[in-house]
Protein backbone atom coordinates (compact mmCIF):
# COMPACT_ATOMS: atom_id res chain seq x y z
CA UNK A 1 -95.42 23.48 4.43
CA UNK A 2 -92.16 22.71 4.25
CA UNK A 3 -91.57 19.22 3.00
CA UNK A 4 -88.22 17.42 3.00
CA UNK A 5 -87.73 14.60 0.40
CA UNK A 6 -85.22 11.73 1.41
CA UNK A 7 -83.55 9.73 -1.38
CA UNK A 8 -81.51 6.58 -1.06
CA UNK A 9 -81.13 5.98 -4.46
CA UNK A 10 -77.11 5.51 -5.63
CA UNK A 11 -78.58 7.45 -8.70
CA UNK A 12 -78.85 11.34 -7.16
CA UNK A 13 -80.97 12.45 -10.68
CA UNK A 14 -84.15 10.77 -8.63
CA UNK A 15 -86.27 12.66 -10.90
CA UNK A 16 -89.47 11.72 -9.47
CA UNK A 17 -89.05 13.72 -6.18
CA UNK A 18 -87.13 16.58 -8.05
CA UNK A 19 -90.50 17.00 -10.62
CA UNK A 20 -92.93 16.97 -6.88
CA UNK A 21 -90.04 19.41 -5.34
CA UNK A 22 -90.35 21.89 -8.36
CA UNK A 23 -94.12 21.48 -8.64
CA UNK A 24 -94.47 21.94 -4.40
CA UNK A 25 -92.45 24.66 -4.86
CA UNK A 26 -94.89 26.38 -7.83
CA UNK A 27 -97.50 26.19 -5.52
CA UNK A 28 -95.80 28.38 -2.96
CA UNK A 29 -94.82 25.28 -0.50
CA UNK A 30 -91.08 25.07 0.74
CA UNK A 31 -88.73 22.10 -0.37
CA UNK A 32 -85.55 20.47 1.30
CA UNK A 33 -84.10 17.62 -0.52
CA UNK A 34 -81.69 15.31 0.57
CA UNK A 35 -79.69 12.70 -1.33
CA UNK A 36 -78.38 9.11 0.55
CA UNK A 37 -77.07 7.13 -1.89
CA UNK A 38 -76.56 3.64 -0.16
CA UNK A 39 -73.02 3.14 0.88
CA UNK A 40 -72.99 -0.30 -0.29
CA UNK A 41 -74.64 0.30 -3.96
CA UNK A 42 -75.61 -3.27 -5.36
CA UNK A 43 -74.06 -4.94 -2.76
CA UNK A 44 -77.09 -5.67 -0.82
CA UNK A 45 -76.89 -7.43 2.91
CA UNK A 46 -80.04 -8.26 4.37
CA UNK A 47 -80.43 -6.80 7.58
CA UNK A 48 -77.17 -4.71 7.23
CA UNK A 49 -77.21 -1.13 9.13
CA UNK A 50 -77.09 1.35 5.87
CA UNK A 51 -75.73 4.29 7.74
CA UNK A 52 -73.80 4.98 10.41
CA UNK A 53 -75.46 7.06 13.98
CA UNK A 54 -73.01 10.40 13.10
CA UNK A 55 -74.58 10.20 9.53
CA UNK A 56 -77.95 9.54 10.72
CA UNK A 57 -77.88 12.39 13.32
CA UNK A 58 -76.67 14.43 11.01
CA UNK A 59 -79.91 13.75 9.09
CA UNK A 60 -82.19 14.10 12.22
CA UNK A 61 -80.79 17.79 12.36
CA UNK A 62 -81.62 19.10 8.35
CA UNK A 63 -85.24 17.40 8.85
CA UNK A 64 -85.83 19.08 12.60
CA UNK A 65 -87.95 22.46 11.22
CA UNK A 66 -89.99 20.30 8.64
CA UNK A 67 -93.78 19.95 8.25
CA UNK A 68 -93.78 16.40 6.53
CA UNK A 69 -90.76 14.23 5.46
CA UNK A 70 -90.91 12.08 2.10
CA UNK A 71 -88.92 8.75 1.56
CA UNK A 72 -88.42 7.82 -1.75
CA UNK A 73 -88.32 3.39 -2.28
CA UNK A 74 -88.12 0.74 -4.33
CA UNK A 75 -87.82 -2.56 -2.99
CA UNK A 76 -84.44 -2.79 -2.78
CA UNK A 77 -83.87 0.28 -0.84
CA UNK A 78 -86.49 -1.02 1.87
CA UNK A 79 -84.06 -1.52 4.75
CA UNK A 80 -82.47 1.93 3.64
CA UNK A 81 -86.19 3.69 4.46
CA UNK A 82 -87.01 1.18 7.29
CA UNK A 83 -83.32 2.57 8.89
CA UNK A 84 -84.11 6.39 8.08
CA UNK A 85 -87.68 6.49 8.95
CA UNK A 86 -86.82 4.78 12.74
CA UNK A 87 -84.17 7.15 13.32
CA UNK A 88 -86.80 9.91 12.61
CA UNK A 89 -89.55 8.88 14.38
CA UNK A 90 -87.58 8.31 17.52
CA UNK A 91 -86.03 11.50 17.41
CA UNK A 92 -88.95 13.65 15.89
CA UNK A 93 -92.56 13.85 15.78
CA UNK A 94 -92.81 15.09 12.37
CA UNK A 95 -95.40 12.76 9.83
CA UNK A 96 -93.38 10.45 7.31
CA UNK A 97 -94.80 9.65 3.84
CA UNK A 98 -93.29 6.72 1.55
CA UNK A 99 -93.72 6.94 -1.87
CA UNK A 100 -92.22 5.37 -5.07
CA UNK A 101 -92.81 1.68 -6.80
CA UNK A 102 -92.68 -0.50 -3.21
CA UNK A 103 -94.97 1.54 -1.60
CA UNK A 104 -97.15 1.40 -4.36
CA UNK A 105 -96.96 -2.33 -4.55
CA UNK A 106 -97.01 -2.84 -0.71
CA UNK A 107 -98.65 0.02 1.07
CA UNK A 108 -99.70 -2.33 4.04
CA UNK A 109 -96.27 -3.40 4.98
CA UNK A 110 -95.13 0.38 4.30
CA UNK A 111 -97.49 1.44 6.79
CA UNK A 112 -95.66 -0.54 9.16
CA UNK A 113 -92.86 1.94 9.61
CA UNK A 114 -94.46 5.29 7.87
CA UNK A 115 -97.66 7.25 8.88
CA UNK A 116 -98.83 6.95 5.10
CA UNK A 117 -97.94 6.18 1.89
CA UNK A 118 -98.61 7.48 -1.61
CA UNK A 119 -99.68 4.86 -3.86
CA UNK A 120 -99.26 5.48 -7.54
CA UNK A 121 -98.91 8.95 -8.80
CA UNK A 122 -97.17 11.24 -6.06
CA UNK A 123 -97.61 15.18 -7.33
CA UNK A 124 -100.63 16.08 -7.12
CA UNK A 125 -101.34 13.96 -3.90
CA UNK A 126 -98.96 15.56 -1.80
CA UNK A 127 -99.89 19.27 -3.29
CA UNK A 128 -103.37 18.35 -1.93
CA UNK A 129 -101.75 16.75 1.44
CA UNK A 130 -99.70 19.52 2.12
CA UNK A 131 -102.57 22.28 0.99
CA UNK A 132 -105.04 20.45 3.63
CA UNK A 133 -101.97 19.94 6.20
CA UNK A 134 -101.21 23.45 5.86
CA UNK A 135 -104.77 24.95 6.48
CA UNK A 136 -105.43 22.41 9.20
CA UNK A 137 -108.11 20.39 7.39
CA UNK A 138 -108.79 17.29 7.75
CA UNK A 139 -106.28 15.08 5.30
CA UNK A 140 -107.89 11.86 5.67
CA UNK A 141 -109.41 11.81 2.40
CA UNK A 142 -106.48 12.81 0.36
CA UNK A 143 -106.87 10.50 -2.73
CA UNK A 144 -103.31 8.18 -3.84
CA UNK A 145 -102.79 8.65 0.19
CA UNK A 146 -103.18 5.63 2.67
CA UNK A 147 -102.53 6.58 6.38
CA UNK A 148 -102.15 4.54 9.63
CA UNK A 149 -104.72 5.87 12.63
CA UNK A 150 -104.87 4.57 15.79
CA UNK A 151 -104.11 1.05 14.42
CA UNK A 152 -105.84 0.91 11.64
CA UNK A 153 -105.36 1.66 7.98
CA UNK A 154 -107.51 4.09 6.33
CA UNK A 155 -107.24 3.55 2.06
CA UNK A 156 -108.33 5.74 -0.24
CA UNK A 157 -108.63 4.85 -4.12
CA UNK A 158 -106.69 6.70 -6.62
CA UNK A 159 -107.59 10.00 -8.46
CA UNK A 160 -107.94 10.51 -12.32
CA UNK A 161 -104.21 10.91 -14.37
CA UNK A 162 -104.00 14.37 -15.63
CA UNK A 163 -103.61 13.93 -19.24
CA UNK A 164 -101.71 16.78 -20.20
CA UNK A 165 -97.86 16.13 -17.56
CA UNK A 166 -96.95 19.70 -19.09
CA UNK A 167 -98.65 20.93 -15.85
CA UNK A 168 -95.65 19.60 -13.77
CA UNK A 169 -92.48 21.64 -13.70
CA UNK A 170 -89.19 20.49 -15.28
CA UNK A 171 -87.34 18.87 -12.70
CA UNK A 172 -85.71 20.59 -9.52
CA UNK A 173 -82.03 21.34 -10.09
CA UNK A 174 -82.14 24.80 -8.25
CA UNK A 175 -79.54 23.59 -5.81
CA UNK A 176 -81.48 25.79 -2.92
CA UNK A 177 -81.33 23.82 0.03
CA UNK A 178 -80.13 20.44 -1.73
CA UNK A 179 -77.85 18.21 0.43
CA UNK A 180 -75.76 14.98 -0.31
CA UNK A 181 -74.08 11.94 1.70
CA UNK A 182 -70.85 12.01 0.43
CA UNK A 183 -67.58 10.87 2.47
CA UNK A 184 -69.77 10.17 5.59
CA UNK A 185 -71.53 13.35 5.76
CA UNK A 186 -74.62 15.22 4.58
CA UNK A 187 -73.59 18.41 2.88
CA UNK A 188 -74.49 20.96 0.77
CA UNK A 189 -74.84 20.47 -2.78
CA UNK A 190 -72.64 22.19 -4.80
CA UNK A 191 -72.50 22.47 -8.61
CA UNK A 192 -68.91 20.80 -8.63
CA UNK A 193 -70.56 17.76 -6.10
CA UNK A 194 -73.30 17.60 -9.01
CA UNK A 195 -71.32 17.26 -11.86
CA UNK A 196 -69.18 14.91 -9.99
CA UNK A 197 -72.02 12.37 -8.93
CA UNK A 198 -73.58 12.88 -12.87
CA UNK A 199 -70.08 11.54 -13.77
CA UNK A 200 -70.25 8.50 -12.48
CA UNK A 201 -73.01 7.22 -14.09
CA UNK A 202 -72.96 4.01 -15.88
CA UNK A 203 -73.70 5.23 -19.30
CA UNK A 204 -71.34 8.23 -18.54
CA UNK A 205 -68.43 6.00 -17.94
CA UNK A 206 -68.93 4.11 -21.35
CA UNK A 207 -69.55 7.07 -23.69
CA UNK A 208 -66.86 8.92 -21.93
CA UNK A 209 -69.19 12.23 -21.16
CA UNK A 210 -71.16 13.63 -18.32
CA UNK A 211 -74.78 12.73 -18.82
CA UNK A 212 -77.44 14.63 -17.75
CA UNK A 213 -80.77 12.08 -17.04
CA UNK A 214 -84.27 12.80 -18.05
CA UNK A 215 -87.72 11.40 -18.74
CA UNK A 216 -90.09 12.59 -21.64
CA UNK A 217 -93.02 10.10 -20.28
CA UNK A 218 -94.23 7.89 -18.18
CA UNK A 219 -95.27 4.14 -18.55
CA UNK A 220 -94.71 1.69 -21.38
CA UNK A 221 -97.00 0.18 -24.42
CA UNK A 222 -95.97 -3.38 -22.77
CA UNK A 223 -97.14 -5.35 -20.28
CA UNK A 224 -94.44 -7.58 -19.66
CA UNK A 225 -95.32 -9.97 -16.33
CA UNK A 226 -91.66 -9.35 -14.82
CA UNK A 227 -91.93 -5.39 -14.61
CA UNK A 228 -93.77 -3.21 -12.45
CA UNK A 229 -94.90 -1.02 -15.00
CA UNK A 230 -98.05 -3.55 -15.98
CA UNK A 231 -98.78 -3.09 -12.08
CA UNK A 232 -98.98 0.28 -11.97
CA UNK A 233 -100.98 0.52 -15.37
CA UNK A 234 -103.46 -1.59 -13.62
CA UNK A 235 -103.70 1.04 -10.89
CA UNK A 236 -105.17 3.14 -13.43
CA UNK A 237 -107.34 0.63 -15.47
CA UNK A 238 -109.03 2.28 -18.27
CA UNK A 239 -107.32 5.85 -18.04
CA UNK A 240 -104.37 4.88 -20.34
CA UNK A 241 -101.47 5.29 -18.27
CA UNK A 242 -98.64 6.04 -21.07
CA UNK A 243 -98.20 9.47 -21.15
CA UNK A 244 -95.96 12.15 -22.69
CA UNK A 245 -94.62 15.45 -22.08
CA UNK A 246 -94.98 17.98 -25.06
CA UNK A 247 -91.92 18.18 -27.14
CA UNK A 248 -91.85 21.66 -25.80
CA UNK A 249 -92.01 21.31 -22.37
CA UNK A 250 -89.31 18.74 -23.05
CA UNK A 251 -87.08 21.04 -25.04
CA UNK A 252 -87.48 23.76 -22.35
CA UNK A 253 -85.87 21.45 -19.67
CA UNK A 254 -83.04 20.95 -21.87
CA UNK A 255 -82.61 24.10 -22.93
CA UNK A 256 -81.86 25.01 -19.37
CA UNK A 257 -79.84 22.33 -18.85
CA UNK A 258 -77.40 23.38 -21.69
CA UNK A 259 -77.47 26.68 -20.22
CA UNK A 260 -76.97 25.67 -16.63
CA UNK A 261 -74.93 22.48 -16.59
CA UNK A 262 -71.92 23.37 -19.23
CA UNK A 263 -70.18 20.24 -18.34
CA UNK A 264 -73.10 17.70 -19.59
CA UNK A 265 -72.00 16.09 -22.86
CA UNK A 266 -75.11 13.88 -23.89
CA UNK A 267 -78.69 13.62 -22.86
CA UNK A 268 -79.84 10.55 -21.33
CA UNK A 269 -83.78 10.13 -22.11
CA UNK A 270 -84.48 7.06 -19.96
CA UNK A 271 -88.17 6.14 -20.93
CA UNK A 272 -88.88 2.89 -20.34
CA UNK A 273 -89.66 2.64 -24.33
CA UNK A 274 -89.27 6.58 -26.25
CA UNK A 275 -89.02 4.52 -29.45
CA UNK A 276 -93.00 3.93 -28.25
CA UNK A 277 -93.74 8.04 -29.84
CA UNK A 278 -95.64 8.43 -32.81
CA UNK A 279 -93.66 9.52 -35.68
CA UNK A 280 -95.00 12.66 -35.77
CA UNK A 281 -93.95 13.33 -32.38
CA UNK A 282 -90.27 12.02 -33.03
CA UNK A 283 -90.10 14.10 -36.32
CA UNK A 284 -90.71 17.51 -34.13
CA UNK A 285 -88.39 15.90 -31.32
CA UNK A 286 -85.42 15.41 -34.06
CA UNK A 287 -86.27 19.08 -35.58
CA UNK A 288 -86.06 20.56 -32.77
CA UNK A 289 -83.25 19.07 -30.82
CA UNK A 290 -80.99 19.15 -33.83
CA UNK A 291 -82.00 22.86 -33.98
CA UNK A 292 -81.60 23.68 -30.48
CA UNK A 293 -79.93 21.56 -28.03
CA UNK A 294 -77.31 19.65 -30.37
CA UNK A 295 -76.01 17.33 -27.80
CA UNK A 296 -75.13 13.86 -28.33
CA UNK A 297 -78.09 11.71 -26.66
CA UNK A 298 -79.18 7.83 -25.99
CA UNK A 299 -82.71 6.46 -25.44
CA UNK A 300 -84.02 2.79 -24.78
CA UNK A 301 -85.84 1.01 -27.29
CA UNK A 302 -88.22 -2.55 -27.77
CA UNK A 303 -87.76 -4.59 -30.53
CA UNK A 304 -91.27 -3.44 -31.60
CA UNK A 305 -90.59 -0.13 -31.78
CA UNK A 306 -87.85 -0.30 -34.03
CA UNK A 307 -88.10 0.91 -36.99
CA UNK A 308 -85.44 2.06 -39.68
CA UNK A 309 -87.42 5.70 -40.14
CA UNK A 310 -87.19 6.23 -36.56
CA UNK A 311 -83.52 4.74 -36.34
CA UNK A 312 -82.59 7.32 -39.36
CA UNK A 313 -84.60 10.46 -37.58
CA UNK A 314 -82.63 9.57 -34.23
CA UNK A 315 -79.00 9.18 -35.58
CA UNK A 316 -79.44 12.15 -37.81
CA UNK A 317 -80.58 14.16 -34.73
CA UNK A 318 -77.45 13.35 -32.41
CA UNK A 319 -78.54 9.92 -30.84
CA UNK A 320 -75.28 8.04 -30.49
CA UNK A 321 -76.35 4.46 -27.79
CA UNK A 322 -79.44 2.90 -27.90
CA UNK A 323 -80.17 0.21 -25.61
CA UNK A 324 -82.59 -2.53 -26.66
CA UNK A 325 -84.58 -4.86 -24.49
CA UNK A 326 -84.07 -8.47 -25.79
CA UNK A 327 -84.42 -10.02 -22.47
CA UNK A 328 -84.81 -14.01 -23.67
CA UNK A 329 -83.97 -15.86 -26.63
CA UNK A 330 -86.20 -18.69 -25.68
CA UNK A 331 -89.36 -18.90 -27.13
CA UNK A 332 -90.78 -20.72 -23.85
CA UNK A 333 -89.60 -17.58 -21.94
CA UNK A 334 -90.73 -15.09 -24.00
CA UNK A 335 -94.57 -16.26 -23.87
CA UNK A 336 -93.57 -16.68 -19.74
CA UNK A 337 -92.84 -12.65 -19.70
CA UNK A 338 -96.28 -11.99 -22.34
CA UNK A 339 -93.48 -10.96 -25.04
CA UNK A 340 -94.74 -13.81 -27.68
CA UNK A 341 -94.91 -11.13 -29.81
CA UNK A 342 -91.09 -10.54 -29.94
CA UNK A 343 -89.82 -13.17 -31.57
CA UNK A 344 -86.53 -14.05 -32.26
CA UNK A 345 -87.24 -13.35 -36.14
CA UNK A 346 -88.73 -9.73 -34.72
CA UNK A 347 -85.92 -9.12 -32.37
CA UNK A 348 -82.94 -9.95 -35.02
CA UNK A 349 -84.51 -7.80 -37.57
CA UNK A 350 -84.18 -4.79 -35.00
CA UNK A 351 -80.81 -5.89 -34.20
CA UNK A 352 -80.08 -5.93 -38.33
CA UNK A 353 -81.53 -2.33 -38.35
CA UNK A 354 -79.51 -0.96 -35.35
CA UNK A 355 -76.96 -2.45 -36.89
CA UNK A 356 -76.65 -0.45 -40.18
CA UNK A 357 -75.88 2.62 -38.14
CA UNK A 358 -72.58 0.85 -36.61
CA UNK A 359 -70.59 4.20 -38.16
CA UNK A 360 -72.24 6.24 -36.19
CA UNK A 361 -72.78 5.23 -32.92
CA UNK A 362 -71.66 3.74 -29.91
CA UNK A 363 -72.15 0.14 -29.63
CA UNK A 364 -75.88 -0.57 -28.57
CA UNK A 365 -76.57 -2.93 -25.57
CA UNK A 366 -78.80 -5.58 -25.72
CA UNK A 367 -80.67 -6.51 -21.93
CA UNK A 368 -80.66 -10.18 -21.21
CA UNK A 369 -82.69 -11.35 -17.95
CA UNK A 370 -81.04 -14.19 -16.64
CA UNK A 371 -82.24 -17.03 -13.49
CA UNK A 372 -85.44 -17.19 -14.53
CA UNK A 373 -87.34 -19.62 -11.78
CA UNK A 374 -89.06 -21.50 -14.85
CA UNK A 375 -86.01 -21.74 -17.37
CA UNK A 376 -84.28 -24.78 -17.89
CA UNK A 377 -80.84 -25.09 -19.07
CA UNK A 378 -82.10 -25.46 -22.92
CA UNK A 379 -83.98 -21.87 -22.45
CA UNK A 380 -80.52 -20.75 -21.47
CA UNK A 381 -78.71 -22.40 -24.34
CA UNK A 382 -81.38 -20.93 -26.65
CA UNK A 383 -80.44 -17.45 -25.68
CA UNK A 384 -77.05 -18.07 -25.78
CA UNK A 385 -77.23 -19.45 -29.55
CA UNK A 386 -79.01 -16.19 -30.08
CA UNK A 387 -76.43 -14.23 -28.83
CA UNK A 388 -74.30 -16.25 -30.93
CA UNK A 389 -75.68 -14.67 -34.10
CA UNK A 390 -76.05 -11.19 -33.38
CA UNK A 391 -73.91 -8.89 -35.24
CA UNK A 392 -70.98 -6.86 -34.01
CA UNK A 393 -70.28 -4.53 -32.39
CA UNK A 394 -72.62 -4.65 -29.77
CA UNK A 395 -72.20 -5.07 -25.92
CA UNK A 396 -74.92 -7.22 -23.83
CA UNK A 397 -76.64 -5.95 -20.33
CA UNK A 398 -76.95 -9.35 -18.28
CA UNK A 399 -79.78 -8.99 -15.00
CA UNK A 400 -80.87 -11.50 -12.71
CA UNK A 401 -84.20 -11.53 -12.60
CA UNK A 402 -86.05 -9.45 -9.32
CA UNK A 403 -89.20 -10.89 -9.02
CA UNK A 404 -90.87 -7.76 -7.45
CA UNK A 405 -93.71 -8.24 -5.66
CA UNK A 406 -96.93 -7.49 -7.26
CA UNK A 407 -95.75 -8.03 -10.65
CA UNK A 408 -97.56 -11.08 -12.46
CA UNK A 409 -94.47 -13.50 -12.51
CA UNK A 410 -93.90 -12.61 -8.80
CA UNK A 411 -97.48 -13.88 -8.10
CA UNK A 412 -97.09 -16.89 -10.05
CA UNK A 413 -93.97 -17.89 -8.91
CA UNK A 414 -95.17 -16.85 -5.15
CA UNK A 415 -98.42 -19.01 -5.79
CA UNK A 416 -96.24 -22.28 -7.59
CA UNK A 417 -93.84 -22.23 -4.43
CA UNK A 418 -90.68 -20.53 -6.09
CA UNK A 419 -90.83 -18.14 -3.83
CA UNK A 420 -89.81 -18.69 -0.07
CA UNK A 421 -89.05 -15.79 2.03
CA UNK A 422 -89.26 -12.62 0.20
CA UNK A 423 -87.00 -10.58 2.65
CA UNK A 424 -84.14 -12.88 2.32
CA UNK A 425 -85.16 -13.80 -1.81
CA UNK A 426 -86.31 -10.42 -3.41
CA UNK A 427 -85.64 -7.26 -0.66
CA UNK A 428 -81.85 -8.38 -0.82
CA UNK A 429 -81.84 -9.45 -4.28
CA UNK A 430 -79.88 -7.21 -6.66
CA UNK A 431 -79.92 -7.49 -10.40
CA UNK A 432 -76.04 -7.94 -10.47
CA UNK A 433 -76.59 -11.22 -8.38
CA UNK A 434 -76.06 -13.78 -11.07
CA UNK A 435 -76.07 -17.27 -10.56
CA UNK A 436 -72.05 -19.11 -10.21
CA UNK A 437 -72.73 -21.50 -13.54
CA UNK A 438 -71.20 -22.17 -16.09
CA UNK A 439 -74.38 -20.87 -18.41
CA UNK A 440 -74.21 -17.43 -17.10
CA UNK A 441 -70.59 -17.78 -17.17
CA UNK A 442 -70.99 -17.66 -21.22
CA UNK A 443 -73.23 -14.64 -20.90
CA UNK A 444 -70.85 -12.66 -19.07
CA UNK A 445 -67.53 -13.57 -20.93
CA UNK A 446 -70.28 -12.41 -24.27
CA UNK A 447 -70.85 -8.99 -22.47
CA UNK A 448 -68.72 -7.22 -24.57
CA UNK A 449 -69.54 -8.36 -27.82
CA UNK A 450 -66.20 -9.94 -28.61
CA UNK A 451 -66.71 -13.46 -28.10
CA UNK A 452 -66.59 -15.32 -31.48
CA UNK A 453 -70.13 -16.70 -32.43
CA UNK A 454 -68.47 -19.70 -34.00
CA UNK A 455 -67.10 -20.46 -30.45
CA UNK A 456 -69.69 -19.60 -28.30
CA UNK A 457 -71.95 -22.32 -30.20
CA UNK A 458 -69.39 -24.80 -30.00
CA UNK A 459 -68.92 -24.01 -25.97
CA UNK A 460 -72.89 -24.63 -26.00
CA UNK A 461 -72.72 -27.69 -28.23
CA UNK A 462 -74.43 -30.54 -26.31
CA UNK A 463 -70.97 -32.66 -25.79
CA UNK A 464 -69.64 -29.42 -24.19
CA UNK A 465 -72.68 -28.71 -22.11
CA UNK A 466 -72.75 -32.02 -20.73
CA UNK A 467 -69.45 -31.96 -19.36
CA UNK A 468 -68.99 -28.32 -18.05
CA UNK A 469 -72.90 -27.69 -17.21
CA UNK A 470 -72.33 -31.12 -15.24
CA UNK A 471 -73.53 -31.42 -11.61
CA UNK A 472 -70.04 -32.62 -11.08
CA UNK A 473 -68.47 -29.17 -12.07
CA UNK A 474 -70.71 -26.55 -10.51
CA UNK A 475 -68.35 -25.87 -7.65
CA UNK A 476 -65.56 -25.13 -9.70
CA UNK A 477 -68.00 -22.71 -11.06
CA UNK A 478 -69.31 -21.28 -7.69
CA UNK A 479 -65.25 -20.70 -6.60
CA UNK A 480 -64.40 -19.07 -9.61
CA UNK A 481 -67.24 -16.78 -9.82
CA UNK A 482 -65.92 -16.15 -6.44
CA UNK A 483 -62.39 -15.26 -7.17
CA UNK A 484 -63.67 -13.07 -10.06
CA UNK A 485 -65.75 -10.68 -7.50
CA UNK A 486 -62.86 -10.44 -5.64
CA UNK A 487 -60.86 -9.98 -8.10
CA UNK A 488 -62.95 -6.76 -9.13
CA UNK A 489 -63.45 -5.78 -5.91
CA UNK A 490 -59.64 -5.70 -5.51
CA UNK A 491 -59.34 -3.60 -8.53
CA UNK A 492 -61.74 -0.92 -7.81
CA UNK A 493 -59.61 -0.33 -4.39
CA UNK A 494 -56.46 -0.30 -6.17
CA UNK A 495 -57.61 2.14 -8.60
CA UNK A 496 -59.14 4.28 -5.77
CA UNK A 497 -62.92 3.69 -6.80
CA UNK A 498 -65.53 2.90 -4.24
């Protein structure tokens, strides 16, 4: 079988399809990888055609000799996947399978466009599907895969999870039959182009080094109501979705990276909660990493997983940057998010522990979620007061909440009438689309970690909020946000950035 994978994500690391490609190659199949970064990036416009006709013609030509085409997507890239699928179906008679987060949570909707969808983890499902198709066998009973057959939907249960992730090879960066949409044309992915795309990463820009992104595990120990991780975990209820690759397996990958990508200046470990690894594993990781890899690295943590012992181990091994999920300083919103065990005291304890290493690391990033339907101005003020007490240096990463379908918070908001049209309010929303309000502006002003804490407390005091957050001032802040957005766009144009 020849299986073509298409990714519309801005980030061409695409860990999932690279791992599936390597796994299928290991079992004798041929793969083609096509990366089609959304030309609009985070500026999502509902119903906007993402790719031009010439680009899609080039895509059709590349896919023409495939036996199966797979498209990976999250909800924000639904329009991309629909446009690509429609064009391929018009021109080619090749079966198309969708996989990733969105088909997992909305398989019926996805089957209005694709011939089949993969629900949950895809490596073993896709391998079984490919083997059965190659042999001309009936494949409609393939676990994890749903099919659209003559107007009916054929559903299959998920398969048992493999306990070891080491059965999967390291991601496919061979660049054999790898292509990327670049400057309006789909071109062969060269080492030079790969380097250029890795260099564009947000964290790479911040650290001033080219990063390589990897994952050492799957899943998360927490059950946050806004997160799709909890939904995927529930698919495999009782099986223990949180799993880790062995340290040996991770080192094999990173040694390959060090030898094959000499320009890589740091390793970006993008596990949702790398700090959740047990201390024995972390000690082994730090020992092996320090001896064999020796590059700076970054990772993510949650407040409940940060300890001084882990910080000391990881910083000593080369950790130079840490991202921590705070999300809200409001007790009510913490409970709404199912994070009531992550109180302000718990979070500040983690922050103070991190701050002890400020002389050995870049300023850490603290994530906050904005524009929550159930959030009042008082809740937002609680978060801003919490921020005013964070020891410097730090950076804030404020994300506007996207109520992804399938999450508990989406179901709650939908039931309460707080979500109208999914397409316009969710599918076409990006986490960068913050509401143009006075309190959100304060969050933006505090992003760099330099805004004086005392001034921030004054700006959220009763008299100031009463005036600047009043209904009469709302048009002013909408106008101000619009001007700031246009100004950033002009800066990008003048600097030659796209």
